[in-house]
Amino acid sequence: MPGPDAVTAFVTPFAELQIKMGIPPIESLLAERDELVAKVARLRARHGPFGLFDAERKVALATAAALVRGQAALEQRKITESAIEEGAHTHSSYVDFITAALSEKADWIVAENRIDSIGDMIRRGDVAGRFVTAELGLSR
């Protein structure tokens, strides 16, 4: 029975040149960046500009308010709107939602920082390449 196909890494001539210059190949940086962007896309959609977090938060708060109102009805006790609002803000479902959102937002910030760092590495590599090229031109 034949084994799995052997996979060999293909290095472009441009990547070889970058390796000789001592900078990470742009192909690997862009692949890593693409992978991070795919992972962070949902977090950007929720927490980023024009994100839907506030709409989701309002839904979670309204759901918690309905649960507080329903519990009061089950217990056959009257409850004021301000008590419902206060109870909704401290209801476990809403607290869990906010806690999860805090964790997600922290993960988003860390991932965005990594994406920015890759961009910085690409720009640094560009500058280093220009410097090496200029140095070679001056040494002639």
C-alpha atoms as a PDB file:
ATOM      1  CA  MET A   1       0.000   0.000   0.000  1.00  0.00           C
ATOM      2  CA  PRO A   2       1.559   3.317  -1.040  1.00  0.00           C
ATOM      3  CA  GLY A   3       2.244   5.950   1.592  1.00  0.00           C
ATOM      4  CA  PRO A   4       1.210   9.586   1.502  1.00  0.00           C
ATOM      5  CA  ASP A   5       2.601  11.821  -1.213  1.00  0.00           C
ATOM      6  CA  ALA A   6       5.790  13.615  -0.303  1.00  0.00           C
ATOM      7  CA  VAL A   7       5.331  17.376  -0.083  1.00  0.00           C
ATOM      8  CA  THR A   8       8.275  19.538  -0.945  1.00  0.00           C
ATOM      9  CA  ALA A   9       8.423  23.213  -0.114  1.00  0.00           C
ATOM     10  CA  PHE A  10       8.647  25.441  -3.137  1.00  0.00           C
ATOM     11  CA  VAL A  11      10.726  28.549  -2.652  1.00  0.00           C
ATOM     12  CA  THR A  12      10.450  31.246  -5.292  1.00  0.00           C
ATOM     13  CA  PRO A  13      13.558  33.004  -6.580  1.00  0.00           C
ATOM     14  CA  PHE A  14      12.249  36.178  -4.951  1.00  0.00           C
ATOM     15  CA  ALA A  15      11.934  34.352  -1.622  1.00  0.00           C
ATOM     16  CA  GLU A  16      15.501  33.038  -1.978  1.00  0.00           C
ATOM     17  CA  LEU A  17      16.714  36.594  -2.479  1.00  0.00           C
ATOM     18  CA  GLN A  18      14.827  37.790   0.589  1.00  0.00           C
ATOM     19  CA  ILE A  19      16.298  34.956   2.656  1.00  0.00           C
ATOM     20  CA  LYS A  20      19.803  35.938   1.473  1.00  0.00           C
ATOM     21  CA  MET A  21      19.040  39.513   2.552  1.00  0.00           C
ATOM     22  CA  GLY A  22      18.053  38.228   5.993  1.00  0.00           C
ATOM     23  CA  ILE A  23      14.381  39.191   5.817  1.00  0.00           C
ATOM     24  CA  PRO A  24      11.393  36.849   6.006  1.00  0.00           C
ATOM     25  CA  PRO A  25       9.954  36.021   2.568  1.00  0.00           C
ATOM     26  CA  ILE A  26       6.900  38.130   1.824  1.00  0.00           C
ATOM     27  CA  GLU A  27       5.019  35.023   0.697  1.00  0.00           C
ATOM     28  CA  SER A  28       5.182  33.532   4.198  1.00  0.00           C
ATOM     29  CA  LEU A  29       4.283  36.856   5.827  1.00  0.00           C
ATOM     30  CA  LEU A  30       1.277  37.311   3.549  1.00  0.00           C
ATOM     31  CA  ALA A  31       0.146  33.719   4.150  1.00  0.00           C
ATOM     32  CA  GLU A  32       0.352  34.239   7.916  1.00  0.00           C
ATOM     33  CA  ARG A  33      -1.508  37.555   7.589  1.00  0.00           C
ATOM     34  CA  ASP A  34      -4.254  35.935   5.479  1.00  0.00           C
ATOM     35  CA  GLU A  35      -4.693  33.219   8.089  1.00  0.00           C
ATOM     36  CA  LEU A  36      -4.977  35.793  10.892  1.00  0.00           C
ATOM     37  CA  VAL A  37      -7.433  37.938   8.922  1.00  0.00           C
ATOM     38  CA  ALA A  38      -9.636  34.876   8.368  1.00  0.00           C
ATOM     39  CA  LYS A  39      -9.582  34.163  12.101  1.00  0.00           C
ATOM     40  CA  VAL A  40     -10.300  37.764  13.102  1.00  0.00           C
ATOM     41  CA  ALA A  41     -13.006  38.496  10.482  1.00  0.00           C
ATOM     42  CA  ARG A  42     -15.918  37.602  12.755  1.00  0.00           C
ATOM     43  CA  LEU A  43     -14.436  39.648  15.608  1.00  0.00           C
ATOM     44  CA  ARG A  44     -13.996  42.645  13.279  1.00  0.00           C
ATOM     45  CA  ALA A  45     -17.613  42.269  12.138  1.00  0.00           C
ATOM     46  CA  ARG A  46     -18.791  42.278  15.730  1.00  0.00           C
ATOM     47  CA  HIS A  47     -16.467  44.730  17.496  1.00  0.00           C
ATOM     48  CA  GLY A  48     -14.921  46.802  14.705  1.00  0.00           C
ATOM     49  CA  PRO A  49     -16.188  49.953  13.008  1.00  0.00           C
ATOM     50  CA  PHE A  50     -19.851  49.545  12.045  1.00  0.00           C
ATOM     51  CA  GLY A  51     -19.816  46.273  13.975  1.00  0.00           C
ATOM     52  CA  LEU A  52     -22.952  44.657  15.298  1.00  0.00           C
ATOM     53  CA  PHE A  53     -21.944  44.390  18.954  1.00  0.00           C
ATOM     54  CA  ASP A  54     -24.283  47.135  20.171  1.00  0.00           C
ATOM     55  CA  ALA A  55     -27.255  45.529  18.405  1.00  0.00           C
ATOM     56  CA  GLU A  56     -26.358  42.146  19.909  1.00  0.00           C
ATOM     57  CA  ARG A  57     -25.943  43.739  23.335  1.00  0.00           C
ATOM     58  CA  LYS A  58     -29.413  45.289  23.110  1.00  0.00           C
ATOM     59  CA  VAL A  59     -30.899  41.916  22.166  1.00  0.00           C
ATOM     60  CA  ALA A  60     -29.139  40.257  25.128  1.00  0.00           C
ATOM     61  CA  LEU A  61     -30.374  42.999  27.461  1.00  0.00           C
ATOM     62  CA  ALA A  62     -33.956  42.736  26.165  1.00  0.00           C
ATOM     63  CA  THR A  63     -33.805  38.953  26.582  1.00  0.00           C
ATOM     64  CA  ALA A  64     -32.595  39.349  30.159  1.00  0.00           C
ATOM     65  CA  ALA A  65     -35.381  41.877  30.824  1.00  0.00           C
ATOM     66  CA  ALA A  66     -37.951  39.395  29.487  1.00  0.00           C
ATOM     67  CA  LEU A  67     -36.550  36.714  31.795  1.00  0.00           C
ATOM     68  CA  VAL A  68     -36.775  39.069  34.794  1.00  0.00           C
ATOM     69  CA  ARG A  69     -40.337  40.039  33.824  1.00  0.00           C
ATOM     70  CA  GLY A  70     -41.282  36.368  33.323  1.00  0.00           C
ATOM     71  CA  GLN A  71     -39.866  35.369  36.704  1.00  0.00           C
ATOM     72  CA  ALA A  72     -41.871  38.132  38.400  1.00  0.00           C
ATOM     73  CA  ALA A  73     -45.031  36.922  36.623  1.00  0.00           C
ATOM     74  CA  LEU A  74     -44.374  33.329  37.742  1.00  0.00           C
ATOM     75  CA  GLU A  75     -44.038  34.552  41.309  1.00  0.00           C
ATOM     76  CA  GLN A  76     -47.173  36.699  40.848  1.00  0.00           C
ATOM     77  CA  ARG A  77     -45.452  39.846  42.068  1.00  0.00           C
ATOM     78  CA  LYS A  78     -45.604  43.306  40.621  1.00  0.00           C
ATOM     79  CA  ILE A  79     -42.346  44.794  39.413  1.00  0.00           C
ATOM     80  CA  THR A  80     -41.523  48.285  38.170  1.00  0.00           C
ATOM     81  CA  GLU A  81     -39.862  49.017  34.852  1.00  0.00           C
ATOM     82  CA  SER A  82     -36.796  50.369  36.668  1.00  0.00           C
ATOM     83  CA  ALA A  83     -36.562  47.130  38.668  1.00  0.00           C
ATOM     84  CA  ILE A  84     -36.832  45.145  35.429  1.00  0.00           C
ATOM     85  CA  GLU A  85     -34.082  47.246  33.845  1.00  0.00           C
ATOM     86  CA  GLU A  86     -31.842  46.891  36.895  1.00  0.00           C
ATOM     87  CA  GLY A  87     -32.512  43.164  37.068  1.00  0.00           C
ATOM     88  CA  ALA A  88     -31.762  42.764  33.360  1.00  0.00           C
ATOM     89  CA  HIS A  89     -28.368  44.465  33.730  1.00  0.00           C
ATOM     90  CA  THR A  90     -27.400  42.078  36.515  1.00  0.00           C
ATOM     91  CA  HIS A  91     -29.082  38.951  35.109  1.00  0.00           C
ATOM     92  CA  SER A  92     -26.658  36.066  34.650  1.00  0.00           C
ATOM     93  CA  SER A  93     -27.399  35.752  30.923  1.00  0.00           C
ATOM     94  CA  TYR A  94     -26.493  39.397  30.316  1.00  0.00           C
ATOM     95  CA  VAL A  95     -23.434  39.240  32.571  1.00  0.00           C
ATOM     96  CA  ASP A  96     -22.247  36.129  30.687  1.00  0.00           C
ATOM     97  CA  PHE A  97     -22.778  37.929  27.359  1.00  0.00           C
ATOM     98  CA  ILE A  98     -20.737  40.946  28.492  1.00  0.00           C
ATOM     99  CA  THR A  99     -17.982  38.745  29.938  1.00  0.00           C
ATOM    100  CA  ALA A 100     -17.693  36.774  26.681  1.00  0.00           C
ATOM    101  CA  ALA A 101     -17.646  40.024  24.685  1.00  0.00           C
ATOM    102  CA  LEU A 102     -14.813  41.363  26.838  1.00  0.00           C
ATOM    103  CA  SER A 103     -12.769  38.240  26.160  1.00  0.00           C
ATOM    104  CA  GLU A 104     -13.560  38.399  22.429  1.00  0.00           C
ATOM    105  CA  LYS A 105     -12.577  42.054  22.234  1.00  0.00           C
ATOM    106  CA  ALA A 106      -9.254  41.328  23.942  1.00  0.00           C
ATOM    107  CA  ASP A 107      -8.617  38.494  21.458  1.00  0.00           C
ATOM    108  CA  TRP A 108      -9.492  40.886  18.619  1.00  0.00           C
ATOM    109  CA  ILE A 109      -7.006  43.502  19.864  1.00  0.00           C
ATOM    110  CA  VAL A 110      -4.226  40.914  20.120  1.00  0.00           C
ATOM    111  CA  ALA A 111      -4.956  39.561  16.618  1.00  0.00           C
ATOM    112  CA  GLU A 112      -5.103  43.058  15.109  1.00  0.00           C
ATOM    113  CA  ASN A 113      -1.759  43.840  16.717  1.00  0.00           C
ATOM    114  CA  ARG A 114      -0.248  40.716  15.140  1.00  0.00           C
ATOM    115  CA  ILE A 115      -1.667  41.685  11.731  1.00  0.00           C
ATOM    116  CA  ASP A 116      -0.203  45.192  12.140  1.00  0.00           C
ATOM    117  CA  SER A 117       3.144  43.671  13.138  1.00  0.00           C
ATOM    118  CA  ILE A 118       3.222  41.629   9.945  1.00  0.00           C
ATOM    119  CA  GLY A 119       2.556  44.826   7.980  1.00  0.00           C
ATOM    120  CA  ASP A 120       5.437  46.470   9.828  1.00  0.00           C
ATOM    121  CA  MET A 121       7.716  43.535   8.968  1.00  0.00           C
ATOM    122  CA  ILE A 122       6.764  43.823   5.302  1.00  0.00           C
ATOM    123  CA  ARG A 123       7.540  47.559   5.312  1.00  0.00           C
ATOM    124  CA  ARG A 124      10.811  46.955   7.175  1.00  0.00           C
ATOM    125  CA  GLY A 125      11.795  44.328   4.621  1.00  0.00           C
ATOM    126  CA  ASP A 126      11.055  46.805   1.842  1.00  0.00           C
ATOM    127  CA  VAL A 127      13.311  49.400   3.482  1.00  0.00           C
ATOM    128  CA  ALA A 128      16.052  46.824   4.075  1.00  0.00           C
ATOM    129  CA  GLY A 129      15.860  45.717   0.442  1.00  0.00           C
ATOM    130  CA  ARG A 130      16.158  49.297  -0.760  1.00  0.00           C
ATOM    131  CA  PHE A 131      19.115  49.844   1.562  1.00  0.00           C
ATOM    132  CA  VAL A 132      20.926  46.725   0.354  1.00  0.00           C
ATOM    133  CA  THR A 133      20.264  47.718  -3.256  1.00  0.00           C
ATOM    134  CA  ALA A 134      21.587  51.233  -2.626  1.00  0.00           C
ATOM    135  CA  GLU A 135      24.660  49.838  -0.864  1.00  0.00           C
ATOM    136  CA  LEU A 136      25.395  47.566  -3.806  1.00  0.00           C
ATOM    137  CA  GLY A 137      25.056  50.507  -6.176  1.00  0.00           C
ATOM    138  CA  LEU A 138      27.449  52.610  -4.129  1.00  0.00           C
ATOM    139  CA  SER A 139      30.094  49.878  -3.912  1.00  0.00           C
ATOM    140  CA  ARG A 140      30.610  49.732  -7.665  1.00  0.00           C
END
